[in-house]
Amino acid sequence: MINSKIIMQDHDILLTGMMSKPVKLIAAGLIVLATAGWAWWQLKPKPKVSTAQKEISIKPADLPTVSTTSYEDWSGFKFDYPDILTVKEIELDNPQVYSSLELTSTDGKRLTIRVTDADAVNLLDWQKTFNRQNSVRTIDQTTLAGLPAIRLQYGAPEMVLTAAIDQGIIYQVQSNADDGFWDRTHDDLTSTWQFTNTAVSDQPASAEAPTGDTVILVEETVN
């Protein structure tokens, strides 16, 4: 009787061992597959993620078309400007000022024009003094009705200034920098600027840059 019990126990152990072997194989296979899947996922190339903010190109909205009109100044020049602006003469009592104008809008912003006696002999000397007194960000060479001129962006809030000197007279056009309406108004006004007589400047002689009076762009560090 004892022997039969021992035989039955041995049979159960053998049967249990035989049944557990396939289970172990399946479990091992699942572990291998899981490990392989995890390794593949880790090694799979991933899209590069830049820590820097992605640069987005935004095209500025087209500015609305604005009707223009012409203004002729008694001191000998004229220009085109948006007819939604109001032109006002200022500094009428200053004998060194031949013309001083403000073009203003309903929002209080403005463009100014000054034609005065120049403190510098030429544009280069004037620019050096201006650079020492102001924080200038950009300087570009341009023209004003054929006169050599410079266009500067400076200050805070940032301003745009176009300046030209001829025969001891300095012409200055200044406005707020906004990459929009006022920048376009500034550029359109200076590009349509014309001299109308010899009251201030002799236009035929000014149409060409005087010999030896080449505009040199000078940038100085402002302390």
N, C-alpha and C. Protein backbone atom coordinates (compact mmCIF):
# COMPACT_ATOMS: atom_id res chain seq x y z
N MET A 1 0.83 -1.20 0.00
CA MET A 1 0.00 0.00 0.00
C MET A 1 0.86 1.25 0.00
N ILE A 2 1.88 1.19 0.82
CA ILE A 2 2.83 2.33 0.87
C ILE A 2 3.50 2.50 -0.46
N ASN A 3 3.89 1.42 -1.07
CA ASN A 3 4.57 1.48 -2.37
C ASN A 3 3.67 2.11 -3.41
N SER A 4 2.39 1.76 -3.35
CA SER A 4 1.47 2.31 -4.37
C SER A 4 1.33 3.82 -4.20
N LYS A 5 1.34 4.30 -2.94
CA LYS A 5 1.26 5.74 -2.71
C LYS A 5 2.51 6.45 -3.23
N ILE A 6 3.62 5.82 -3.01
CA ILE A 6 4.89 6.42 -3.49
C ILE A 6 4.88 6.48 -5.00
N ILE A 7 4.39 5.40 -5.63
CA ILE A 7 4.35 5.36 -7.10
C ILE A 7 3.43 6.45 -7.61
N MET A 8 2.27 6.66 -6.93
CA MET A 8 1.31 7.68 -7.36
C MET A 8 1.93 9.07 -7.19
N GLN A 9 2.65 9.32 -6.12
CA GLN A 9 3.29 10.62 -5.92
C GLN A 9 4.35 10.89 -6.97
N ASP A 10 5.14 9.84 -7.27
CA ASP A 10 6.16 9.99 -8.31
C ASP A 10 5.51 10.29 -9.65
N HIS A 11 4.37 9.64 -9.89
CA HIS A 11 3.68 9.85 -11.18
C HIS A 11 3.16 11.29 -11.27
N ASP A 12 2.63 11.77 -10.11
CA ASP A 12 2.13 13.16 -10.12
C ASP A 12 3.26 14.16 -10.33
N ILE A 13 4.37 13.93 -9.67
CA ILE A 13 5.52 14.84 -9.83
C ILE A 13 6.01 14.85 -11.27
N LEU A 14 6.08 13.64 -11.87
CA LEU A 14 6.54 13.53 -13.25
C LEU A 14 5.58 14.23 -14.18
N LEU A 15 4.25 14.04 -13.90
CA LEU A 15 3.24 14.66 -14.76
C LEU A 15 3.30 16.19 -14.62
N THR A 16 3.47 16.63 -13.39
CA THR A 16 3.57 18.08 -13.17
C THR A 16 4.79 18.65 -13.87
N GLY A 17 5.91 17.95 -13.82
CA GLY A 17 7.12 18.41 -14.50
C GLY A 17 6.95 18.45 -15.99
N MET A 18 6.23 17.43 -16.54
CA MET A 18 6.01 17.38 -18.00
C MET A 18 5.08 18.51 -18.44
N MET A 19 4.08 18.85 -17.61
CA MET A 19 3.13 19.90 -17.97
C MET A 19 3.76 21.29 -17.82
N SER A 20 4.67 21.43 -16.85
CA SER A 20 5.25 22.77 -16.61
C SER A 20 6.31 23.14 -17.64
N LYS A 21 6.86 22.14 -18.31
CA LYS A 21 7.91 22.42 -19.29
C LYS A 21 7.41 23.27 -20.45
N PRO A 22 6.24 22.93 -21.07
CA PRO A 22 5.74 23.81 -22.15
C PRO A 22 5.40 25.20 -21.64
N VAL A 23 4.85 25.26 -20.41
CA VAL A 23 4.51 26.58 -19.86
C VAL A 23 5.75 27.43 -19.70
N LYS A 24 6.82 26.78 -19.24
CA LYS A 24 8.07 27.52 -19.08
C LYS A 24 8.61 27.99 -20.42
N LEU A 25 8.46 27.13 -21.43
CA LEU A 25 8.93 27.52 -22.76
C LEU A 25 8.13 28.71 -23.29
N ILE A 26 6.80 28.65 -23.10
CA ILE A 26 5.96 29.76 -23.57
C ILE A 26 6.31 31.05 -22.83
N ALA A 27 6.48 30.93 -21.52
CA ALA A 27 6.82 32.11 -20.72
C ALA A 27 8.16 32.70 -21.15
N ALA A 28 9.11 31.78 -21.40
CA ALA A 28 10.44 32.24 -21.84
C ALA A 28 10.33 32.94 -23.19
N GLY A 29 9.49 32.35 -24.07
CA GLY A 29 9.32 32.96 -25.39
C GLY A 29 8.70 34.34 -25.30
N LEU A 30 7.72 34.49 -24.41
CA LEU A 30 7.09 35.80 -24.23
C LEU A 30 8.08 36.82 -23.68
N ILE A 31 8.90 36.37 -22.76
CA ILE A 31 9.92 37.28 -22.20
C ILE A 31 10.89 37.72 -23.28
N VAL A 32 11.31 36.77 -24.14
CA VAL A 32 12.24 37.10 -25.23
C VAL A 32 11.61 38.11 -26.17
N LEU A 33 10.32 37.86 -26.53
CA LEU A 33 9.63 38.78 -27.44
C LEU A 33 9.47 40.17 -26.83
N ALA A 34 9.13 40.19 -25.54
CA ALA A 34 8.96 41.48 -24.87
C ALA A 34 10.27 42.24 -24.82
N THR A 35 11.34 41.50 -24.51
CA THR A 35 12.66 42.14 -24.46
C THR A 35 13.08 42.66 -25.82
N ALA A 36 12.84 41.86 -26.87
CA ALA A 36 13.19 42.28 -28.23
C ALA A 36 12.38 43.50 -28.64
N GLY A 37 11.06 43.50 -28.28
CA GLY A 37 10.22 44.64 -28.63
C GLY A 37 10.68 45.91 -27.94
N TRP A 38 11.04 45.81 -26.66
CA TRP A 38 11.51 46.97 -25.91
C TRP A 38 12.81 47.52 -26.50
N ALA A 39 13.72 46.58 -26.85
CA ALA A 39 15.00 46.98 -27.44
C ALA A 39 14.79 47.66 -28.78
N TRP A 40 13.85 47.14 -29.59
CA TRP A 40 13.58 47.74 -30.91
C TRP A 40 13.02 49.15 -30.74
N TRP A 41 12.13 49.32 -29.75
CA TRP A 41 11.54 50.62 -29.51
C TRP A 41 12.58 51.65 -29.08
N GLN A 42 13.51 51.19 -28.23
CA GLN A 42 14.55 52.10 -27.78
C GLN A 42 15.50 52.48 -28.88
N LEU A 43 15.79 51.52 -29.78
CA LEU A 43 16.75 51.77 -30.85
C LEU A 43 16.11 52.40 -32.07
N LYS A 44 14.79 52.49 -32.12
CA LYS A 44 14.11 53.06 -33.27
C LYS A 44 14.44 54.54 -33.39
N PRO A 45 14.86 55.00 -34.59
CA PRO A 45 15.18 56.42 -34.76
C PRO A 45 13.97 57.28 -34.44
N LYS A 46 14.18 58.31 -33.65
CA LYS A 46 13.10 59.20 -33.26
C LYS A 46 13.31 60.56 -33.91
N PRO A 47 12.23 61.24 -34.22
CA PRO A 47 12.38 62.57 -34.81
C PRO A 47 13.13 63.51 -33.88
N LYS A 48 14.02 64.31 -34.47
CA LYS A 48 14.82 65.22 -33.67
C LYS A 48 13.95 66.35 -33.13
N VAL A 49 14.09 66.59 -31.88
CA VAL A 49 13.34 67.66 -31.23
C VAL A 49 14.32 68.73 -30.81
N SER A 50 14.21 69.89 -31.38
CA SER A 50 15.12 70.98 -31.06
C SER A 50 14.64 71.70 -29.81
N THR A 51 15.58 72.02 -28.93
CA THR A 51 15.20 72.75 -27.73
C THR A 51 14.93 74.21 -28.04
N ALA A 52 15.49 74.66 -29.16
CA ALA A 52 15.25 76.05 -29.54
C ALA A 52 13.87 76.16 -30.16
N GLN A 53 13.27 77.32 -30.01
CA GLN A 53 11.95 77.52 -30.58
C GLN A 53 12.04 77.50 -32.09
N LYS A 54 11.14 76.74 -32.71
CA LYS A 54 11.15 76.64 -34.16
C LYS A 54 10.83 78.00 -34.76
N GLU A 55 11.66 78.39 -35.73
CA GLU A 55 11.45 79.68 -36.37
C GLU A 55 10.25 79.60 -37.29
N ILE A 56 9.37 80.52 -37.14
CA ILE A 56 8.17 80.55 -37.96
C ILE A 56 8.22 81.79 -38.84
N SER A 57 8.10 81.58 -40.12
CA SER A 57 8.11 82.69 -41.05
C SER A 57 6.70 83.24 -41.17
N ILE A 58 6.54 84.46 -40.76
CA ILE A 58 5.22 85.09 -40.81
C ILE A 58 5.29 86.23 -41.81
N LYS A 59 4.49 86.13 -42.83
CA LYS A 59 4.44 87.17 -43.83
C LYS A 59 3.55 88.29 -43.32
N PRO A 60 4.10 89.51 -43.20
CA PRO A 60 3.27 90.59 -42.68
C PRO A 60 2.09 90.85 -43.60
N ALA A 61 1.00 91.21 -42.99
CA ALA A 61 -0.20 91.49 -43.78
C ALA A 61 0.05 92.68 -44.68
N ASP A 62 -0.46 92.62 -45.88
CA ASP A 62 -0.29 93.72 -46.81
C ASP A 62 -0.96 94.97 -46.25
N LEU A 63 -0.23 96.09 -46.35
CA LEU A 63 -0.79 97.34 -45.85
C LEU A 63 -1.87 97.82 -46.80
N PRO A 64 -2.93 98.39 -46.25
CA PRO A 64 -4.00 98.89 -47.12
C PRO A 64 -3.50 100.04 -47.99
N THR A 65 -4.06 100.15 -49.16
CA THR A 65 -3.70 101.23 -50.07
C THR A 65 -4.26 102.55 -49.54
N VAL A 66 -3.39 103.56 -49.50
CA VAL A 66 -3.79 104.87 -49.00
C VAL A 66 -3.60 105.90 -50.10
N SER A 67 -4.59 106.73 -50.29
CA SER A 67 -4.49 107.79 -51.30
C SER A 67 -3.46 108.82 -50.85
N THR A 68 -2.73 109.38 -51.80
CA THR A 68 -1.70 110.37 -51.48
C THR A 68 -2.02 111.71 -52.13
N THR A 69 -1.43 112.71 -51.57
CA THR A 69 -1.54 114.04 -52.14
C THR A 69 -0.16 114.69 -52.08
N SER A 70 0.01 115.82 -52.73
CA SER A 70 1.31 116.47 -52.81
C SER A 70 1.33 117.73 -51.95
N TYR A 71 2.46 117.95 -51.29
CA TYR A 71 2.66 119.16 -50.50
C TYR A 71 3.87 119.90 -51.07
N GLU A 72 3.70 121.19 -51.33
CA GLU A 72 4.81 122.01 -51.82
C GLU A 72 5.13 123.07 -50.79
N ASP A 73 6.38 123.09 -50.36
CA ASP A 73 6.82 124.02 -49.32
C ASP A 73 7.37 125.29 -49.95
N TRP A 74 7.12 126.41 -49.28
CA TRP A 74 7.57 127.70 -49.81
C TRP A 74 9.09 127.80 -49.89
N SER A 75 9.81 126.95 -49.12
CA SER A 75 11.27 127.05 -49.10
C SER A 75 11.93 126.29 -50.25
N GLY A 76 11.15 125.64 -51.10
CA GLY A 76 11.74 125.11 -52.32
C GLY A 76 11.76 123.60 -52.48
N PHE A 77 10.81 122.87 -51.93
CA PHE A 77 10.75 121.42 -52.16
C PHE A 77 9.29 120.96 -52.05
N LYS A 78 9.06 119.76 -52.55
CA LYS A 78 7.73 119.17 -52.45
C LYS A 78 7.86 117.66 -52.30
N PHE A 79 6.77 117.02 -51.87
CA PHE A 79 6.77 115.58 -51.67
C PHE A 79 5.33 115.07 -51.65
N ASP A 80 5.19 113.77 -51.78
CA ASP A 80 3.87 113.13 -51.67
C ASP A 80 3.73 112.50 -50.30
N TYR A 81 2.51 112.49 -49.79
CA TYR A 81 2.25 111.90 -48.47
C TYR A 81 0.80 111.40 -48.42
N PRO A 82 0.48 110.49 -47.50
CA PRO A 82 -0.89 109.99 -47.37
C PRO A 82 -1.85 111.12 -47.00
N ASP A 83 -2.97 111.20 -47.70
CA ASP A 83 -3.88 112.32 -47.45
C ASP A 83 -4.65 112.19 -46.13
N ILE A 84 -4.46 111.08 -45.42
CA ILE A 84 -5.11 110.95 -44.12
C ILE A 84 -4.30 111.65 -43.02
N LEU A 85 -3.11 112.15 -43.37
CA LEU A 85 -2.28 112.88 -42.41
C LEU A 85 -2.52 114.37 -42.51
N THR A 86 -2.27 115.07 -41.41
CA THR A 86 -2.43 116.52 -41.37
C THR A 86 -1.05 117.17 -41.33
N VAL A 87 -0.81 118.14 -42.22
CA VAL A 87 0.47 118.84 -42.29
C VAL A 87 0.37 120.16 -41.54
N LYS A 88 1.34 120.39 -40.65
CA LYS A 88 1.34 121.62 -39.86
C LYS A 88 2.74 122.22 -39.83
N GLU A 89 2.83 123.53 -40.06
CA GLU A 89 4.11 124.23 -39.97
C GLU A 89 4.40 124.58 -38.51
N ILE A 90 5.66 124.34 -38.09
CA ILE A 90 6.06 124.66 -36.72
C ILE A 90 7.41 125.39 -36.75
N GLU A 91 7.89 125.82 -35.61
CA GLU A 91 9.18 126.53 -35.48
C GLU A 91 9.27 127.72 -36.43
N LEU A 92 8.20 128.47 -36.53
CA LEU A 92 8.17 129.58 -37.49
C LEU A 92 9.03 130.75 -37.07
N ASP A 93 9.38 130.82 -35.78
CA ASP A 93 10.14 131.97 -35.28
C ASP A 93 11.64 131.72 -35.21
N ASN A 94 12.10 130.56 -35.64
CA ASN A 94 13.52 130.24 -35.58
C ASN A 94 14.20 130.64 -36.88
N PRO A 95 15.10 131.63 -36.86
CA PRO A 95 15.71 132.12 -38.11
C PRO A 95 16.63 131.10 -38.77
N GLN A 96 17.10 130.09 -38.01
CA GLN A 96 17.96 129.07 -38.60
C GLN A 96 17.16 127.94 -39.26
N VAL A 97 15.87 127.97 -39.11
CA VAL A 97 15.01 126.92 -39.66
C VAL A 97 14.30 127.47 -40.90
N TYR A 98 14.59 126.87 -42.04
CA TYR A 98 13.95 127.29 -43.29
C TYR A 98 12.57 126.65 -43.44
N SER A 99 12.43 125.45 -42.92
CA SER A 99 11.13 124.78 -42.95
C SER A 99 11.09 123.74 -41.83
N SER A 100 9.95 123.67 -41.13
CA SER A 100 9.76 122.67 -40.08
C SER A 100 8.30 122.23 -40.13
N LEU A 101 8.09 120.96 -40.45
CA LEU A 101 6.74 120.45 -40.67
C LEU A 101 6.48 119.24 -39.79
N GLU A 102 5.22 119.07 -39.38
CA GLU A 102 4.76 117.87 -38.71
C GLU A 102 3.61 117.28 -39.52
N LEU A 103 3.73 116.00 -39.82
CA LEU A 103 2.65 115.26 -40.45
C LEU A 103 2.10 114.32 -39.39
N THR A 104 0.88 114.57 -38.93
CA THR A 104 0.33 113.82 -37.81
C THR A 104 -0.90 113.02 -38.23
N SER A 105 -1.14 111.96 -37.44
CA SER A 105 -2.32 111.13 -37.65
C SER A 105 -3.23 111.23 -36.44
N THR A 106 -4.39 110.62 -36.52
CA THR A 106 -5.36 110.71 -35.42
C THR A 106 -4.88 109.96 -34.18
N ASP A 107 -3.91 109.03 -34.33
CA ASP A 107 -3.42 108.29 -33.17
C ASP A 107 -2.28 109.01 -32.44
N GLY A 108 -1.94 110.22 -32.92
CA GLY A 108 -0.91 111.00 -32.25
C GLY A 108 0.50 110.80 -32.77
N LYS A 109 0.71 109.79 -33.60
CA LYS A 109 2.04 109.57 -34.16
C LYS A 109 2.31 110.60 -35.25
N ARG A 110 3.61 110.79 -35.54
CA ARG A 110 3.93 111.86 -36.47
C ARG A 110 5.21 111.59 -37.25
N LEU A 111 5.35 112.32 -38.34
CA LEU A 111 6.58 112.39 -39.12
C LEU A 111 6.97 113.84 -39.18
N THR A 112 8.25 114.13 -38.96
CA THR A 112 8.70 115.52 -38.96
C THR A 112 9.72 115.75 -40.07
N ILE A 113 9.70 116.97 -40.57
CA ILE A 113 10.65 117.41 -41.61
C ILE A 113 11.28 118.71 -41.13
N ARG A 114 12.62 118.76 -41.16
CA ARG A 114 13.32 119.99 -40.77
C ARG A 114 14.37 120.32 -41.82
N VAL A 115 14.36 121.56 -42.27
CA VAL A 115 15.37 122.08 -43.19
C VAL A 115 16.01 123.26 -42.49
N THR A 116 17.28 123.10 -42.10
CA THR A 116 17.94 124.11 -41.28
C THR A 116 19.38 124.31 -41.73
N ASP A 117 20.02 125.32 -41.15
CA ASP A 117 21.46 125.48 -41.33
C ASP A 117 22.16 124.28 -40.69
N ALA A 118 23.15 123.74 -41.38
CA ALA A 118 23.86 122.57 -40.87
C ALA A 118 24.97 122.99 -39.92
N ASP A 119 25.10 122.25 -38.82
CA ASP A 119 26.19 122.51 -37.89
C ASP A 119 27.51 121.90 -38.37
N ALA A 120 27.42 120.94 -39.28
CA ALA A 120 28.60 120.26 -39.80
C ALA A 120 28.87 120.69 -41.24
N VAL A 121 30.14 120.55 -41.64
CA VAL A 121 30.52 120.94 -43.00
C VAL A 121 29.95 119.95 -44.01
N ASN A 122 29.95 118.68 -43.66
CA ASN A 122 29.46 117.67 -44.58
C ASN A 122 28.72 116.56 -43.81
N LEU A 123 28.15 115.63 -44.56
CA LEU A 123 27.34 114.59 -43.97
C LEU A 123 28.16 113.65 -43.09
N LEU A 124 29.40 113.42 -43.46
CA LEU A 124 30.26 112.53 -42.68
C LEU A 124 30.49 113.10 -41.28
N ASP A 125 30.84 114.38 -41.20
CA ASP A 125 31.07 115.00 -39.89
C ASP A 125 29.78 115.03 -39.07
N TRP A 126 28.66 115.31 -39.73
CA TRP A 126 27.38 115.32 -39.01
C TRP A 126 27.07 113.93 -38.44
N GLN A 127 27.34 112.90 -39.24
CA GLN A 127 27.05 111.53 -38.80
C GLN A 127 27.90 111.14 -37.60
N LYS A 128 29.17 111.53 -37.59
CA LYS A 128 30.04 111.20 -36.46
C LYS A 128 29.49 111.80 -35.17
N THR A 129 29.06 113.06 -35.25
CA THR A 129 28.51 113.72 -34.06
C THR A 129 27.21 113.03 -33.64
N PHE A 130 26.37 112.71 -34.59
CA PHE A 130 25.09 112.07 -34.28
C PHE A 130 25.32 110.70 -33.62
N ASN A 131 26.28 109.94 -34.12
CA ASN A 131 26.58 108.62 -33.57
C ASN A 131 27.03 108.71 -32.11
N ARG A 132 27.80 109.76 -31.78
CA ARG A 132 28.27 109.91 -30.41
C ARG A 132 27.14 110.25 -29.45
N GLN A 133 26.12 110.90 -29.97
CA GLN A 133 25.04 111.38 -29.12
C GLN A 133 23.84 110.43 -29.06
N ASN A 134 23.81 109.42 -29.92
CA ASN A 134 22.65 108.54 -30.00
C ASN A 134 23.08 107.08 -30.12
N SER A 135 22.16 106.20 -29.76
CA SER A 135 22.39 104.76 -29.91
C SER A 135 21.85 104.34 -31.28
N VAL A 136 22.76 104.23 -32.24
CA VAL A 136 22.38 103.95 -33.63
C VAL A 136 22.42 102.44 -33.88
N ARG A 137 21.33 101.90 -34.42
CA ARG A 137 21.25 100.46 -34.68
C ARG A 137 21.65 100.12 -36.11
N THR A 138 21.13 100.85 -37.09
CA THR A 138 21.48 100.58 -38.49
C THR A 138 21.75 101.90 -39.22
N ILE A 139 22.63 101.83 -40.21
CA ILE A 139 22.94 102.98 -41.07
C ILE A 139 22.96 102.48 -42.52
N ASP A 140 22.15 103.11 -43.36
CA ASP A 140 22.10 102.73 -44.78
C ASP A 140 22.32 103.95 -45.64
N GLN A 141 22.98 103.73 -46.76
CA GLN A 141 23.21 104.81 -47.70
C GLN A 141 22.00 104.93 -48.62
N THR A 142 21.57 106.16 -48.90
CA THR A 142 20.42 106.38 -49.77
C THR A 142 20.59 107.73 -50.46
N THR A 143 19.53 108.24 -51.04
CA THR A 143 19.57 109.56 -51.67
C THR A 143 18.28 110.32 -51.34
N LEU A 144 18.34 111.62 -51.46
CA LEU A 144 17.17 112.48 -51.30
C LEU A 144 17.15 113.43 -52.49
N ALA A 145 16.32 113.13 -53.46
CA ALA A 145 16.24 113.91 -54.70
C ALA A 145 17.61 114.07 -55.34
N GLY A 146 18.39 113.00 -55.33
CA GLY A 146 19.71 113.03 -55.95
C GLY A 146 20.84 113.39 -55.00
N LEU A 147 20.51 113.92 -53.84
CA LEU A 147 21.56 114.25 -52.86
C LEU A 147 22.01 112.99 -52.13
N PRO A 148 23.31 112.83 -51.91
CA PRO A 148 23.76 111.71 -51.06
C PRO A 148 23.15 111.85 -49.67
N ALA A 149 22.60 110.76 -49.16
CA ALA A 149 21.92 110.81 -47.87
C ALA A 149 22.17 109.52 -47.11
N ILE A 150 21.82 109.53 -45.82
CA ILE A 150 21.89 108.32 -45.01
C ILE A 150 20.54 108.12 -44.31
N ARG A 151 20.23 106.86 -44.07
CA ARG A 151 18.99 106.49 -43.36
C ARG A 151 19.40 105.71 -42.11
N LEU A 152 19.05 106.25 -40.95
CA LEU A 152 19.46 105.65 -39.69
C LEU A 152 18.24 105.17 -38.91
N GLN A 153 18.43 104.07 -38.15
CA GLN A 153 17.46 103.65 -37.15
C GLN A 153 18.16 103.74 -35.80
N TYR A 154 17.53 104.41 -34.86
CA TYR A 154 18.21 104.68 -33.59
C TYR A 154 17.19 104.88 -32.48
N GLY A 155 17.70 104.88 -31.24
CA GLY A 155 16.92 105.28 -30.09
C GLY A 155 15.95 104.24 -29.57
N ALA A 156 15.26 104.59 -28.49
CA ALA A 156 14.23 103.76 -27.88
C ALA A 156 13.17 104.70 -27.30
N PRO A 157 11.95 104.70 -27.85
CA PRO A 157 11.49 103.86 -28.96
C PRO A 157 12.24 104.19 -30.24
N GLU A 158 12.34 103.20 -31.10
CA GLU A 158 13.17 103.32 -32.29
C GLU A 158 12.59 104.31 -33.29
N MET A 159 13.48 105.13 -33.83
CA MET A 159 13.10 106.14 -34.82
C MET A 159 13.86 105.88 -36.12
N VAL A 160 13.30 106.40 -37.20
CA VAL A 160 13.96 106.36 -38.51
C VAL A 160 14.25 107.79 -38.93
N LEU A 161 15.48 108.04 -39.37
CA LEU A 161 15.88 109.39 -39.75
C LEU A 161 16.65 109.33 -41.07
N THR A 162 16.18 110.11 -42.04
CA THR A 162 16.91 110.28 -43.30
C THR A 162 17.48 111.70 -43.30
N ALA A 163 18.78 111.82 -43.60
CA ALA A 163 19.44 113.12 -43.55
C ALA A 163 20.32 113.32 -44.78
N ALA A 164 20.33 114.55 -45.27
CA ALA A 164 21.19 114.93 -46.40
C ALA A 164 21.66 116.36 -46.17
N ILE A 165 22.87 116.67 -46.63
CA ILE A 165 23.41 118.02 -46.50
C ILE A 165 23.83 118.52 -47.88
N ASP A 166 23.45 119.76 -48.17
CA ASP A 166 23.84 120.37 -49.44
C ASP A 166 23.98 121.87 -49.24
N GLN A 167 25.13 122.42 -49.61
CA GLN A 167 25.39 123.86 -49.57
C GLN A 167 25.09 124.46 -48.19
N GLY A 168 25.52 123.73 -47.14
CA GLY A 168 25.37 124.24 -45.79
C GLY A 168 23.97 124.08 -45.21
N ILE A 169 23.10 123.38 -45.92
CA ILE A 169 21.73 123.16 -45.46
C ILE A 169 21.54 121.66 -45.21
N ILE A 170 20.93 121.31 -44.05
CA ILE A 170 20.65 119.91 -43.74
C ILE A 170 19.15 119.65 -43.85
N TYR A 171 18.81 118.57 -44.51
CA TYR A 171 17.43 118.13 -44.68
C TYR A 171 17.24 116.87 -43.84
N GLN A 172 16.25 116.89 -42.95
CA GLN A 172 16.02 115.75 -42.06
C GLN A 172 14.54 115.34 -42.11
N VAL A 173 14.32 114.04 -42.33
CA VAL A 173 12.98 113.46 -42.28
C VAL A 173 13.00 112.38 -41.21
N GLN A 174 12.13 112.50 -40.21
CA GLN A 174 12.17 111.58 -39.08
C GLN A 174 10.77 111.06 -38.75
N SER A 175 10.69 109.76 -38.39
CA SER A 175 9.41 109.16 -38.03
C SER A 175 9.65 107.97 -37.11
N ASN A 176 8.58 107.46 -36.52
CA ASN A 176 8.66 106.25 -35.72
C ASN A 176 8.94 105.04 -36.61
N ALA A 177 9.76 104.10 -36.12
CA ALA A 177 10.00 102.85 -36.85
C ALA A 177 8.94 101.84 -36.42
N ASP A 178 8.18 101.32 -37.39
CA ASP A 178 7.12 100.39 -37.01
C ASP A 178 6.96 99.22 -37.97
N ASP A 179 7.81 99.11 -39.00
CA ASP A 179 7.67 98.04 -40.00
C ASP A 179 6.26 98.02 -40.60
N GLY A 180 5.67 99.17 -40.69
CA GLY A 180 4.30 99.25 -41.19
C GLY A 180 4.03 100.58 -41.85
N PHE A 181 2.92 101.20 -41.45
CA PHE A 181 2.46 102.42 -42.10
C PHE A 181 3.49 103.52 -42.09
N TRP A 182 4.12 103.79 -40.93
CA TRP A 182 5.02 104.93 -40.84
C TRP A 182 6.33 104.68 -41.57
N ASP A 183 6.81 103.47 -41.58
CA ASP A 183 8.01 103.16 -42.37
C ASP A 183 7.72 103.38 -43.85
N ARG A 184 6.55 102.91 -44.30
CA ARG A 184 6.20 103.08 -45.71
C ARG A 184 6.01 104.56 -46.05
N THR A 185 5.36 105.29 -45.15
CA THR A 185 5.17 106.72 -45.38
C THR A 185 6.50 107.44 -45.47
N HIS A 186 7.42 107.10 -44.57
CA HIS A 186 8.76 107.70 -44.58
C HIS A 186 9.46 107.43 -45.92
N ASP A 187 9.47 106.17 -46.34
CA ASP A 187 10.18 105.80 -47.56
C ASP A 187 9.51 106.40 -48.81
N ASP A 188 8.18 106.42 -48.83
CA ASP A 188 7.48 106.99 -49.98
C ASP A 188 7.71 108.50 -50.06
N LEU A 189 7.71 109.15 -48.90
CA LEU A 189 7.91 110.60 -48.89
C LEU A 189 9.31 110.96 -49.38
N THR A 190 10.32 110.28 -48.87
CA THR A 190 11.69 110.60 -49.28
C THR A 190 11.94 110.23 -50.75
N SER A 191 11.27 109.19 -51.24
CA SER A 191 11.49 108.80 -52.63
C SER A 191 10.78 109.74 -53.61
N THR A 192 9.76 110.46 -53.16
CA THR A 192 9.05 111.41 -54.04
C THR A 192 9.51 112.85 -53.82
N TRP A 193 10.47 113.04 -52.94
CA TRP A 193 10.98 114.40 -52.63
C TRP A 193 11.58 115.03 -53.88
N GLN A 194 11.24 116.27 -54.14
CA GLN A 194 11.80 117.02 -55.27
C GLN A 194 12.07 118.45 -54.84
N PHE A 195 13.12 119.02 -55.42
CA PHE A 195 13.39 120.44 -55.23
C PHE A 195 12.67 121.21 -56.34
N THR A 196 12.03 122.31 -55.97
CA THR A 196 11.19 123.02 -56.94
C THR A 196 11.80 124.31 -57.44
N ASN A 197 12.72 124.90 -56.68
CA ASN A 197 13.38 126.13 -57.13
C ASN A 197 14.70 126.28 -56.39
N THR A 198 15.30 127.43 -56.48
CA THR A 198 16.62 127.65 -55.86
C THR A 198 16.51 128.40 -54.54
N ALA A 199 15.36 128.39 -53.92
CA ALA A 199 15.20 129.13 -52.66
C ALA A 199 16.15 128.64 -51.59
N VAL A 200 16.35 127.30 -51.53
CA VAL A 200 17.25 126.74 -50.53
C VAL A 200 18.39 125.99 -51.18
N SER A 201 18.07 125.23 -52.22
CA SER A 201 19.09 124.39 -52.83
C SER A 201 19.03 124.52 -54.33
N ASP A 202 20.19 124.59 -54.95
CA ASP A 202 20.27 124.62 -56.39
C ASP A 202 20.19 123.20 -56.91
N GLN A 203 19.01 122.77 -57.35
CA GLN A 203 18.82 121.37 -57.68
C GLN A 203 19.73 120.85 -58.78
N PRO A 204 19.91 121.57 -59.91
CA PRO A 204 20.79 121.01 -60.95
C PRO A 204 22.18 120.70 -60.45
N ALA A 205 22.74 121.56 -59.60
CA ALA A 205 24.08 121.30 -59.07
C ALA A 205 24.08 120.17 -58.07
N SER A 206 22.91 119.92 -57.44
CA SER A 206 22.84 118.90 -56.40
C SER A 206 22.49 117.53 -56.94
N ALA A 207 22.14 117.46 -58.20
CA ALA A 207 21.69 116.18 -58.75
C ALA A 207 22.80 115.15 -58.74
N GLU A 208 24.03 115.63 -58.76
CA GLU A 208 25.16 114.71 -58.70
C GLU A 208 25.95 114.97 -57.43
N ALA A 209 26.49 113.92 -56.86
CA ALA A 209 27.28 114.08 -55.63
C ALA A 209 28.52 114.90 -55.92
N PRO A 210 28.82 115.93 -55.14
CA PRO A 210 30.03 116.74 -55.37
C PRO A 210 31.28 115.89 -55.29
N THR A 211 32.26 116.28 -56.11
CA THR A 211 33.51 115.54 -56.14
C THR A 211 34.19 115.59 -54.77
N GLY A 212 34.58 114.42 -54.29
CA GLY A 212 35.26 114.34 -53.01
C GLY A 212 34.33 114.34 -51.81
N ASP A 213 32.99 114.38 -52.07
CA ASP A 213 32.04 114.42 -50.97
C ASP A 213 31.28 113.09 -50.90
N THR A 214 32.03 112.00 -51.05
CA THR A 214 31.42 110.66 -51.01
C THR A 214 30.95 110.35 -49.61
N VAL A 215 29.76 109.79 -49.52
CA VAL A 215 29.20 109.44 -48.21
C VAL A 215 29.88 108.18 -47.70
N ILE A 216 30.43 108.24 -46.51
CA ILE A 216 31.07 107.09 -45.87
C ILE A 216 30.27 106.77 -44.63
N LEU A 217 29.81 105.53 -44.55
CA LEU A 217 29.02 105.13 -43.40
C LEU A 217 29.95 104.82 -42.24
N VAL A 218 29.76 105.53 -41.14
CA VAL A 218 30.60 105.38 -39.97
C VAL A 218 29.73 104.88 -38.83
N GLU A 219 30.18 103.80 -38.18
CA GLU A 219 29.47 103.29 -37.02
C GLU A 219 30.40 103.39 -35.81
N GLU A 220 29.93 104.05 -34.76
CA GLU A 220 30.73 104.21 -33.56
C GLU A 220 29.98 103.61 -32.38
N THR A 221 30.73 103.07 -31.45
CA THR A 221 30.14 102.49 -30.25
C THR A 221 29.78 103.60 -29.28
N VAL A 222 28.53 103.58 -28.85
CA VAL A 222 28.07 104.60 -27.90
C VAL A 222 28.26 104.08 -26.49
N ASN A 223 29.04 104.77 -25.70
CA ASN A 223 29.29 104.35 -24.32
C ASN A 223 28.10 104.70 -23.43
